[in-house]
Protein backbone atom coordinates (compact mmCIF):
# COMPACT_ATOMS: atom_id res chain seq x y z
CA MET A 1 -85.85 16.55 127.67
CA ALA A 2 -84.60 13.51 125.73
CA ALA A 3 -83.25 10.15 127.59
CA SER A 4 -82.59 6.95 126.52
CA GLU A 5 -85.48 4.43 127.01
CA ASP A 6 -83.63 1.66 128.58
CA THR A 7 -83.02 4.02 131.83
CA ASN A 8 -84.03 4.13 135.06
CA ASP A 9 -86.33 7.57 135.33
CA GLY A 10 -84.88 8.20 139.22
CA ASP A 11 -81.41 7.93 137.48
CA VAL A 12 -82.55 10.36 135.08
CA LYS A 13 -83.90 12.98 137.60
CA ALA A 14 -80.87 12.47 139.91
CA VAL A 15 -78.72 13.45 136.74
CA ILE A 16 -80.35 16.50 136.09
CA ALA A 17 -80.37 17.45 139.81
CA ALA A 18 -76.45 16.96 139.25
CA ASN A 19 -76.57 19.03 135.80
CA ASP A 20 -78.33 21.67 137.36
CA ALA A 21 -76.04 22.08 140.87
CA PHE A 22 -73.45 22.43 138.42
CA TYR A 23 -74.74 24.98 136.52
CA ARG A 24 -76.02 27.13 139.82
CA ALA A 25 -72.51 26.81 140.77
CA PHE A 26 -71.28 28.24 137.54
CA VAL A 27 -73.27 31.40 137.64
CA ALA A 28 -73.30 31.86 141.09
CA GLN A 29 -69.23 31.54 140.53
CA ASP A 30 -69.31 29.79 143.47
CA ALA A 31 -65.78 27.87 143.86
CA LEU A 32 -66.73 25.58 146.76
CA ARG A 33 -70.32 24.59 145.45
CA MET A 34 -68.40 23.78 141.85
CA ASP A 35 -65.65 21.16 143.38
CA LEU A 36 -68.37 19.70 145.36
CA VAL A 37 -70.43 18.90 141.53
CA TRP A 38 -67.31 16.89 140.69
CA ALA A 39 -66.15 13.30 141.09
CA GLY A 40 -62.57 14.41 142.38
CA HIS A 41 -60.98 11.28 140.36
CA ALA A 42 -57.60 11.73 138.64
CA GLY A 43 -59.44 10.94 135.13
CA ASP A 44 -61.73 14.52 135.70
CA ALA A 45 -61.42 16.86 132.67
CA CYS A 46 -62.75 20.02 131.88
CA VAL A 47 -62.68 21.92 128.27
CA HIS A 48 -63.31 25.46 128.34
CA PRO A 49 -64.43 27.24 124.84
CA GLY A 50 -61.23 27.81 123.47
CA THR A 51 -58.76 26.06 125.65
CA ASP A 52 -56.79 22.50 125.97
CA ALA A 53 -58.22 20.30 128.01
CA VAL A 54 -57.48 20.36 131.98
CA ILE A 55 -56.91 16.91 133.36
CA GLY A 56 -57.06 16.02 137.27
CA PRO A 57 -59.17 17.42 140.01
CA ILE A 58 -56.79 19.94 141.44
CA ASN A 59 -56.44 21.50 138.03
CA VAL A 60 -60.13 21.41 136.99
CA GLN A 61 -60.96 23.19 140.63
CA ASN A 62 -58.15 26.00 139.91
CA SER A 63 -59.60 26.46 136.56
CA TRP A 64 -62.92 26.97 137.51
CA ARG A 65 -61.50 29.58 140.55
CA ARG A 66 -59.21 31.36 137.81
CA LEU A 67 -62.55 31.38 135.51
CA PHE A 68 -64.80 33.19 138.38
CA VAL A 69 -61.86 36.10 139.55
CA GLY A 70 -62.90 38.78 138.09
CA GLY A 71 -65.09 36.92 135.53
CA ASP A 72 -68.32 38.53 133.99
CA ARG A 73 -71.69 37.62 136.32
CA LEU A 74 -73.11 35.09 133.45
CA ASN A 75 -76.84 34.05 132.44
CA ILE A 76 -76.83 30.38 131.18
CA ARG A 77 -80.57 29.19 129.63
CA ILE A 78 -80.17 25.36 128.41
CA SER A 79 -81.69 23.97 125.69
CA GLU A 80 -81.62 20.97 123.70
CA LEU A 81 -81.15 18.60 126.63
CA ARG A 82 -80.36 14.96 126.56
CA VAL A 83 -79.80 12.85 129.29
CA ASP A 84 -77.87 9.25 128.86
CA VAL A 85 -77.40 6.71 131.69
CA TYR A 86 -75.86 3.51 131.12
CA GLY A 87 -75.43 1.77 134.63
CA THR A 88 -73.00 4.16 136.78
CA VAL A 89 -72.02 6.09 133.47
CA ALA A 90 -74.44 9.04 131.77
CA LYS A 91 -73.92 11.59 129.68
CA VAL A 92 -75.65 14.98 129.26
CA HIS A 93 -75.80 16.76 125.70
CA LEU A 94 -77.13 20.55 126.01
CA ILE A 95 -76.97 24.11 124.72
CA GLU A 96 -75.69 26.65 126.72
CA ASN A 97 -77.47 29.81 125.72
CA VAL A 98 -74.92 32.32 127.61
CA SER A 99 -75.14 35.95 127.75
CA VAL A 100 -74.19 38.52 130.85
CA ALA A 101 -76.21 39.19 133.65
CA THR A 102 -75.18 43.17 133.49
CA PRO A 103 -74.57 43.88 130.23
CA VAL A 104 -73.44 47.68 129.40
CA ALA A 105 -75.83 49.88 127.56
CA LEU A 106 -74.34 50.22 124.20
CA GLY A 107 -71.48 47.46 124.17
CA ALA A 108 -73.73 44.35 125.30
CA ARG A 109 -72.75 41.22 123.97
CA ARG A 110 -75.74 39.51 122.55
CA GLU A 111 -76.32 35.32 123.35
CA THR A 112 -73.49 32.92 122.52
CA ARG A 113 -74.56 29.27 122.23
CA VAL A 114 -72.07 26.68 123.67
CA ALA A 115 -72.64 23.17 122.77
CA CYS A 116 -71.64 20.99 126.01
CA THR A 117 -71.10 17.70 126.76
CA ASN A 118 -71.25 16.78 130.69
CA VAL A 119 -70.76 13.11 131.85
CA PHE A 120 -71.45 12.15 134.93
CA LEU A 121 -70.46 8.96 137.58
CA LYS A 122 -72.88 7.56 139.84
CA THR A 123 -70.77 7.29 143.15
CA ASP A 124 -71.28 6.41 146.96
CA ASP A 125 -72.22 10.25 146.87
CA GLY A 126 -74.62 10.79 144.07
CA TRP A 127 -73.95 11.26 140.53
CA ARG A 128 -70.73 13.39 140.24
CA MET A 129 -69.44 15.16 137.15
CA THR A 130 -66.15 13.91 135.87
CA LEU A 131 -66.12 15.62 132.40
CA HIS A 132 -67.19 18.99 131.21
CA HIS A 133 -66.67 19.65 127.65
CA GLY A 134 -67.55 22.97 126.06
CA GLY A 135 -67.58 24.60 122.23
CA VAL A 136 -68.53 27.61 121.14
CA ILE A 137 -70.98 27.25 118.19
CA ALA A 138 -70.50 29.62 115.15
CA ASP A 139 -73.03 32.16 114.11
CA ASP A 140 -74.00 30.69 110.54
CA HIS A 141 -74.16 26.75 112.24
CA GLU A 142 -77.22 25.38 111.29
CA PRO A 143 -79.18 23.00 113.82
CA GLU A 144 -79.25 19.34 112.73
CA LEU A 145 -82.06 18.42 114.62
CA GLU A 146 -85.15 20.73 115.79
CA PRO A 147 -84.80 21.94 119.51
CA ASP A 148 -86.38 20.33 122.28
CA PRO A 149 -89.04 22.77 123.76
CA ASP A 150 -87.73 21.82 127.33
CA THR A 151 -85.41 25.01 128.61
CA SER A 152 -84.19 25.39 132.06
CA GLU A 153 -82.82 28.77 132.88
CA PHE A 154 -79.81 30.01 135.82
CA ASN A 155 -79.59 33.17 136.76
């Protein structure tokens, strides 16, 4: 995991914990837990891969609820994590390596890579997400940098 050099180590760890809480809510398809990771500000925004931006706390919450209804159970392994903290704002860049938790034997999908940026705000209640933006990485994309060996897996 890379972090900017001038950041408080405690803030970096807290942002990573907030990011982990987001992914735990995501793979559990738990709308209530998902609501808790968000800042709840008018500027909250989410861009799910292949969709337009969803803006505003109610719209963001509803977008996750729609995603969770009848959705496939996912495994998400995080790689290439980078955290930068700027006072009360933090951004997390990472790759989501996504696969279906219970693949169908013959029609199993392979892992899909999604480039993500998550932005967090430091609030009275701790670090809360205000932006999640994910875009699918094309199969023929060559990474510009060597991958970070640190990974986290969420099942």
